[in-house]
Amino acid sequence: MEEPGFRVLLMESGCRKSEAIRAIRAITGLSLWNSKLLLDSAPVQVTEPDWLEAARHAAGVLAAAGARATVLCDWCERTVSREAGPLDPTPCRGPWPLEACRASGPG
């Protein structure tokens, strides 16, 4: 069965903008200019759907730079915390039972 993707949304730049721009560059490979434009466009999607672990790592890099980022399940659109489990307890709308959904259980 196909796994859902998880994407990272940049919600706020935080007070350390230059560090956040460097974090965006490290995650996306964008130029300095495009990274700044992306940061100034918050809230904005930073990554394409990826594995849960990769999305959590990218959100952690942004958080370490002072930015606020969230991880969203591509199928159920629920916010997933970086530590474990969803922040939104609604059931998964994907093709599997709740206990099998990667966004529903601890990571």
Protein backbone atom coordinates (compact mmCIF):
# COMPACT_ATOMS: atom_id res chain seq x y z
CA MET A 1 0.00 0.00 0.00
CA GLU A 2 1.28 3.46 -0.86
CA GLU A 3 2.55 5.64 1.99
CA PRO A 4 1.43 9.26 2.35
CA GLY A 5 3.87 12.08 1.97
CA PHE A 6 4.54 14.66 4.64
CA ARG A 7 5.31 18.28 3.79
CA VAL A 8 6.72 21.11 5.82
CA LEU A 9 4.93 24.43 6.08
CA LEU A 10 6.82 27.49 7.26
CA MET A 11 4.39 29.37 9.48
CA GLU A 12 6.52 32.29 10.77
CA SER A 13 10.06 33.45 10.17
CA GLY A 14 10.85 34.18 13.80
CA CYS A 15 13.22 36.88 14.97
CA ARG A 16 16.40 35.32 13.51
CA LYS A 17 15.63 35.84 9.83
CA SER A 18 19.16 35.36 8.52
CA GLU A 19 19.41 31.97 10.25
CA ALA A 20 15.98 31.01 8.91
CA ILE A 21 17.07 31.93 5.37
CA ARG A 22 20.18 29.75 5.75
CA ALA A 23 17.98 26.89 7.02
CA ILE A 24 15.66 27.21 4.02
CA ARG A 25 18.67 27.17 1.70
CA ALA A 26 20.00 24.03 3.39
CA ILE A 27 16.64 22.25 3.12
CA THR A 28 15.61 23.33 -0.38
CA GLY A 29 18.82 24.19 -2.21
CA LEU A 30 17.29 27.51 -3.30
CA SER A 31 19.38 30.62 -3.86
CA LEU A 32 19.74 33.24 -1.15
CA TRP A 33 17.27 35.51 -2.96
CA ASN A 34 14.64 32.81 -3.45
CA SER A 35 15.06 31.60 0.13
CA LYS A 36 14.40 35.14 1.36
CA LEU A 37 11.34 35.41 -0.89
CA LEU A 38 10.04 32.10 0.47
CA LEU A 39 10.61 33.25 4.05
CA ASP A 40 8.80 36.52 3.39
CA SER A 41 5.85 34.57 1.94
CA ALA A 42 5.09 32.68 5.18
CA PRO A 43 2.91 30.77 5.69
CA VAL A 44 4.22 28.76 2.76
CA GLN A 45 5.08 25.18 1.84
CA VAL A 46 8.83 24.60 2.07
CA THR A 47 9.14 20.97 0.98
CA GLU A 48 7.38 18.65 -1.41
CA PRO A 49 5.76 15.56 0.15
CA ASP A 50 8.47 13.33 1.60
CA TRP A 51 8.93 10.60 4.21
CA LEU A 52 7.76 11.50 7.72
CA GLU A 53 11.29 11.35 9.12
CA ALA A 54 12.63 13.71 6.44
CA ALA A 55 9.79 16.19 7.01
CA ARG A 56 10.32 16.10 10.78
CA HIS A 57 14.04 16.69 10.26
CA ALA A 58 13.40 19.68 7.96
CA ALA A 59 10.95 21.17 10.47
CA GLY A 60 13.57 20.68 13.18
CA VAL A 61 16.19 22.52 11.12
CA LEU A 62 13.80 25.44 10.70
CA ALA A 63 12.91 25.41 14.40
CA ALA A 64 16.59 25.44 15.36
CA ALA A 65 16.94 28.57 13.21
CA GLY A 66 14.13 30.27 15.12
CA ALA A 67 11.38 29.77 12.54
CA ARG A 68 8.05 28.11 13.28
CA ALA A 69 7.27 25.18 10.99
CA THR A 70 4.68 22.42 10.96
CA VAL A 71 4.54 19.00 9.34
CA LEU A 72 1.35 18.07 7.48
CA CYS A 73 0.21 14.67 6.27
CA ASP A 74 -0.38 14.88 2.53
CA TRP A 75 -3.46 12.65 2.70
CA CYS A 76 -5.32 13.65 5.84
CA GLU A 77 -4.02 17.24 6.06
CA ARG A 78 -3.42 16.79 9.78
CA THR A 79 -0.65 18.57 11.60
CA VAL A 80 1.91 16.10 12.93
CA SER A 81 4.21 17.08 15.77
CA ARG A 82 7.96 16.69 15.34
CA GLU A 83 8.12 14.37 18.34
CA ALA A 84 5.31 11.81 17.94
CA GLY A 85 1.72 11.60 16.82
CA PRO A 86 -0.72 14.12 15.42
CA LEU A 87 -1.76 17.41 16.97
CA ASP A 88 -5.16 16.99 15.36
CA PRO A 89 -6.93 13.84 16.63
CA THR A 90 -9.33 13.50 13.67
CA PRO A 91 -9.09 10.18 11.83
CA CYS A 92 -6.97 9.65 8.76
CA ARG A 93 -8.76 9.95 5.42
CA GLY A 94 -6.21 7.70 3.75
CA PRO A 95 -6.89 4.15 2.53
CA TRP A 96 -5.81 2.38 5.74
CA PRO A 97 -7.14 1.90 9.26
CA LEU A 98 -6.33 4.49 11.92
CA GLU A 99 -3.78 2.27 13.69
CA ALA A 100 -1.79 1.86 10.45
CA CYS A 101 -1.63 5.56 9.53
CA ARG A 102 1.86 7.01 10.05
CA ALA A 103 0.35 10.37 11.01
CA SER A 104 -1.88 8.82 13.68
CA GLY A 105 0.64 6.99 15.81
CA PRO A 106 3.91 7.74 17.51
CA GLY A 107 6.83 8.10 15.15
